[in-house]
Amino acid sequence: MSTAQVPTLASARWSLSTIVLAPRGEKIAPSSAERTGLLNWARRTGFDSVEVSGAWVDVYAQSNFERRALASEIADSGLAVSGVNLDRVLDRSGDSAVLERGRFSNVLQVAEDLKAPLISISFSAKLGPVILRAADFDERAIAAIAVEAKRLARAAAGSGIQLSFEVRDDG
């Protein structure tokens, strides 16, 4: 299918969230053939777009070229990229959590490479024996998160990419 036939996000009704494909708290790394099979299945069953999660394909470790190739692969299957899902972006630090700056700082470039119009960010902490929620963060951690979120919002505004923030696990 040519990219001219790919739906736009405005016309898309159903988006497959790839984070649901990874076991909770784990990552998977599907081969190109597995991705193509899944994308073709998604299109055949009525999905118009796909939200890319780093738990499905580690787009944060990929080069710009690899991410653009993934975007082409998605478009070739007849799907649009609806967004990028940046899940569980907090690391534990004692009784609180701190922002994982590596993926957080890279997410805008990832979205631009994938031509994603939206970044969904979950401020939940990574899974472990105790799941930390927004109410568990101390004032210092909240202030640091707010500074980084504001920085990302300013940068995203210039690119036309929208942001969605989730402040608690599965919230």
Protein backbone atom coordinates (compact mmCIF):
# COMPACT_ATOMS: atom_id res chain seq x y z
CA MET A 1 0.00 0.00 0.00
CA SER A 2 1.40 3.41 -0.87
CA THR A 3 1.84 6.01 1.83
CA ALA A 4 -0.73 8.18 0.01
CA GLN A 5 -3.42 5.75 1.25
CA VAL A 6 -2.31 5.86 4.89
CA PRO A 7 -4.95 7.49 7.09
CA THR A 8 -4.08 10.68 8.89
CA LEU A 9 -4.41 10.83 12.64
CA ALA A 10 -7.43 13.11 12.16
CA SER A 11 -9.22 10.40 10.15
CA ALA A 12 -8.04 7.45 12.26
CA ARG A 13 -10.67 5.84 14.47
CA TRP A 14 -8.80 2.91 16.02
CA SER A 15 -5.18 2.87 17.16
CA LEU A 16 -3.30 -0.23 18.31
CA SER A 17 -1.27 0.52 21.43
CA THR A 18 1.84 -1.64 21.16
CA ILE A 19 2.59 -1.44 24.88
CA VAL A 20 -0.11 -4.07 25.41
CA LEU A 21 2.01 -6.51 23.38
CA ALA A 22 4.84 -6.55 25.94
CA PRO A 23 4.54 -8.52 29.17
CA ARG A 24 3.93 -6.10 32.04
CA GLY A 25 7.19 -4.42 32.98
CA GLU A 26 9.21 -6.21 30.29
CA LYS A 27 10.38 -5.44 26.78
CA ILE A 28 10.08 -7.48 23.62
CA ALA A 29 12.07 -7.13 20.41
CA PRO A 30 10.03 -8.44 17.50
CA SER A 31 11.85 -9.26 14.29
CA SER A 32 11.01 -7.30 11.17
CA ALA A 33 8.89 -10.22 9.95
CA GLU A 34 6.97 -10.32 13.25
CA ARG A 35 6.38 -6.56 13.11
CA THR A 36 5.19 -6.76 9.52
CA GLY A 37 2.83 -9.61 10.39
CA LEU A 38 1.39 -7.70 13.33
CA LEU A 39 1.01 -4.47 11.38
CA ASN A 40 -0.71 -6.23 8.50
CA TRP A 41 -3.02 -8.02 10.95
CA ALA A 42 -3.82 -4.69 12.65
CA ARG A 43 -4.76 -3.10 9.34
CA ARG A 44 -6.86 -6.09 8.22
CA THR A 45 -8.79 -6.11 11.49
CA GLY A 46 -9.72 -2.43 11.36
CA PHE A 47 -6.97 -0.47 13.08
CA ASP A 48 -6.05 2.79 11.34
CA SER A 49 -2.96 3.65 13.32
CA VAL A 50 -0.42 2.42 15.85
CA GLU A 51 0.99 3.97 19.02
CA VAL A 52 4.64 2.93 19.27
CA SER A 53 5.97 1.91 22.67
CA GLY A 54 9.62 1.42 23.55
CA ALA A 55 8.51 -1.76 25.30
CA TRP A 56 7.54 -3.16 21.88
CA VAL A 57 10.44 -1.83 19.79
CA ASP A 58 13.20 0.00 21.68
CA VAL A 59 12.95 3.16 19.60
CA TYR A 60 15.05 4.99 22.20
CA ALA A 61 18.08 2.83 21.39
CA GLN A 62 17.54 3.04 17.63
CA SER A 63 19.27 5.48 15.33
CA ASN A 64 17.30 8.17 13.48
CA PHE A 65 17.63 6.03 10.33
CA GLU A 66 16.22 2.94 12.08
CA ARG A 67 13.27 4.92 13.46
CA ARG A 68 12.50 6.39 10.03
CA ALA A 69 12.65 2.86 8.58
CA LEU A 70 10.15 1.74 11.24
CA ALA A 71 7.87 4.66 10.33
CA SER A 72 8.06 3.57 6.67
CA GLU A 73 7.31 -0.01 7.66
CA ILE A 74 4.21 1.16 9.53
CA ALA A 75 3.10 3.36 6.60
CA ASP A 76 3.71 0.54 4.12
CA SER A 77 1.25 -1.59 6.10
CA GLY A 78 -1.39 1.12 5.64
CA LEU A 79 -1.27 2.49 9.17
CA ALA A 80 -0.49 5.94 10.54
CA VAL A 81 1.63 6.47 13.65
CA SER A 82 -0.77 7.91 16.23
CA GLY A 83 1.86 8.54 18.86
CA VAL A 84 4.81 7.45 20.95
CA ASN A 85 4.24 5.94 24.39
CA LEU A 86 6.94 6.77 26.94
CA ASP A 87 6.00 4.43 29.76
CA ARG A 88 7.21 4.32 33.36
CA VAL A 89 9.75 7.11 33.02
CA LEU A 90 10.67 7.18 36.70
CA ASP A 91 13.45 5.25 38.41
CA ARG A 92 13.30 4.31 42.05
CA SER A 93 15.57 6.12 44.45
CA GLY A 94 14.98 5.02 48.00
CA ASP A 95 11.40 5.78 48.98
CA SER A 96 10.86 8.14 46.05
CA ALA A 97 11.64 8.21 42.35
CA VAL A 98 13.63 10.34 39.92
CA LEU A 99 13.03 11.08 36.26
CA GLU A 100 14.84 8.80 33.82
CA ARG A 101 16.40 11.58 31.76
CA GLY A 102 17.79 9.44 28.92
CA ARG A 103 14.50 8.31 27.39
CA PHE A 104 12.69 11.47 28.48
CA SER A 105 15.22 13.72 26.74
CA ASN A 106 15.13 11.58 23.60
CA VAL A 107 11.36 11.19 23.21
CA LEU A 108 10.83 14.33 21.10
CA GLN A 109 13.42 13.21 18.54
CA VAL A 110 11.83 9.74 18.52
CA ALA A 111 8.40 11.28 17.83
CA GLU A 112 9.81 13.48 15.07
CA ASP A 113 11.55 10.54 13.40
CA LEU A 114 8.36 8.45 13.53
CA LYS A 115 6.24 11.44 12.44
CA ALA A 116 4.12 10.94 15.55
CA PRO A 117 1.74 13.79 16.38
CA LEU A 118 1.46 12.83 20.07
CA ILE A 119 3.72 11.76 22.93
CA SER A 120 2.03 9.94 25.82
CA ILE A 121 4.16 10.04 28.96
CA SER A 122 3.48 7.90 32.01
CA PHE A 123 5.16 9.27 35.12
CA SER A 124 4.66 5.95 36.87
CA ALA A 125 7.74 4.32 38.33
CA LYS A 126 9.13 1.14 36.83
CA LEU A 127 7.58 -2.03 38.15
CA GLY A 128 9.15 -3.64 41.16
CA PRO A 129 8.23 -4.92 44.61
CA VAL A 130 6.53 -1.60 45.42
CA ILE A 131 4.80 0.50 42.77
CA LEU A 132 5.28 4.18 43.48
CA ARG A 133 2.44 6.54 42.61
CA ALA A 134 2.45 10.30 42.14
CA ALA A 135 1.45 10.76 45.78
CA ASP A 136 4.62 8.90 46.82
CA PHE A 137 6.99 11.43 45.25
CA ASP A 138 8.66 14.01 47.43
CA GLU A 139 8.50 17.72 46.59
CA ARG A 140 12.01 17.69 45.08
CA ALA A 141 11.13 14.88 42.67
CA ILE A 142 7.88 16.60 41.68
CA ALA A 143 9.71 19.88 41.05
CA ALA A 144 12.32 18.14 38.87
CA ILE A 145 9.59 16.38 36.88
CA ALA A 146 7.74 19.69 36.39
CA VAL A 147 10.89 21.42 35.11
CA GLU A 148 11.57 18.66 32.58
CA ALA A 149 7.93 18.43 31.51
CA LYS A 150 7.87 22.19 30.91
CA ARG A 151 11.09 22.00 28.89
CA LEU A 152 9.66 19.19 26.77
CA ALA A 153 6.37 21.06 26.30
CA ARG A 154 8.21 24.13 24.99
CA ALA A 155 10.28 22.05 22.60
CA ALA A 156 7.24 20.06 21.43
CA ALA A 157 5.26 23.24 20.81
CA GLY A 158 7.77 24.24 18.15
CA SER A 159 7.38 20.90 16.39
CA GLY A 160 3.58 20.73 16.57
CA ILE A 161 3.70 17.53 18.63
CA GLN A 162 1.14 17.29 21.42
CA LEU A 163 1.87 15.87 24.88
CA SER A 164 -0.29 13.73 27.14
CA PHE A 165 0.80 13.14 30.74
CA GLU A 166 -0.33 10.23 32.91
CA VAL A 167 0.60 10.83 36.53
CA ARG A 168 -0.23 7.45 38.02
CA ASP A 169 0.09 3.84 36.96
CA ASP A 170 -2.66 2.87 34.53
CA GLY A 171 -4.39 6.16 35.33
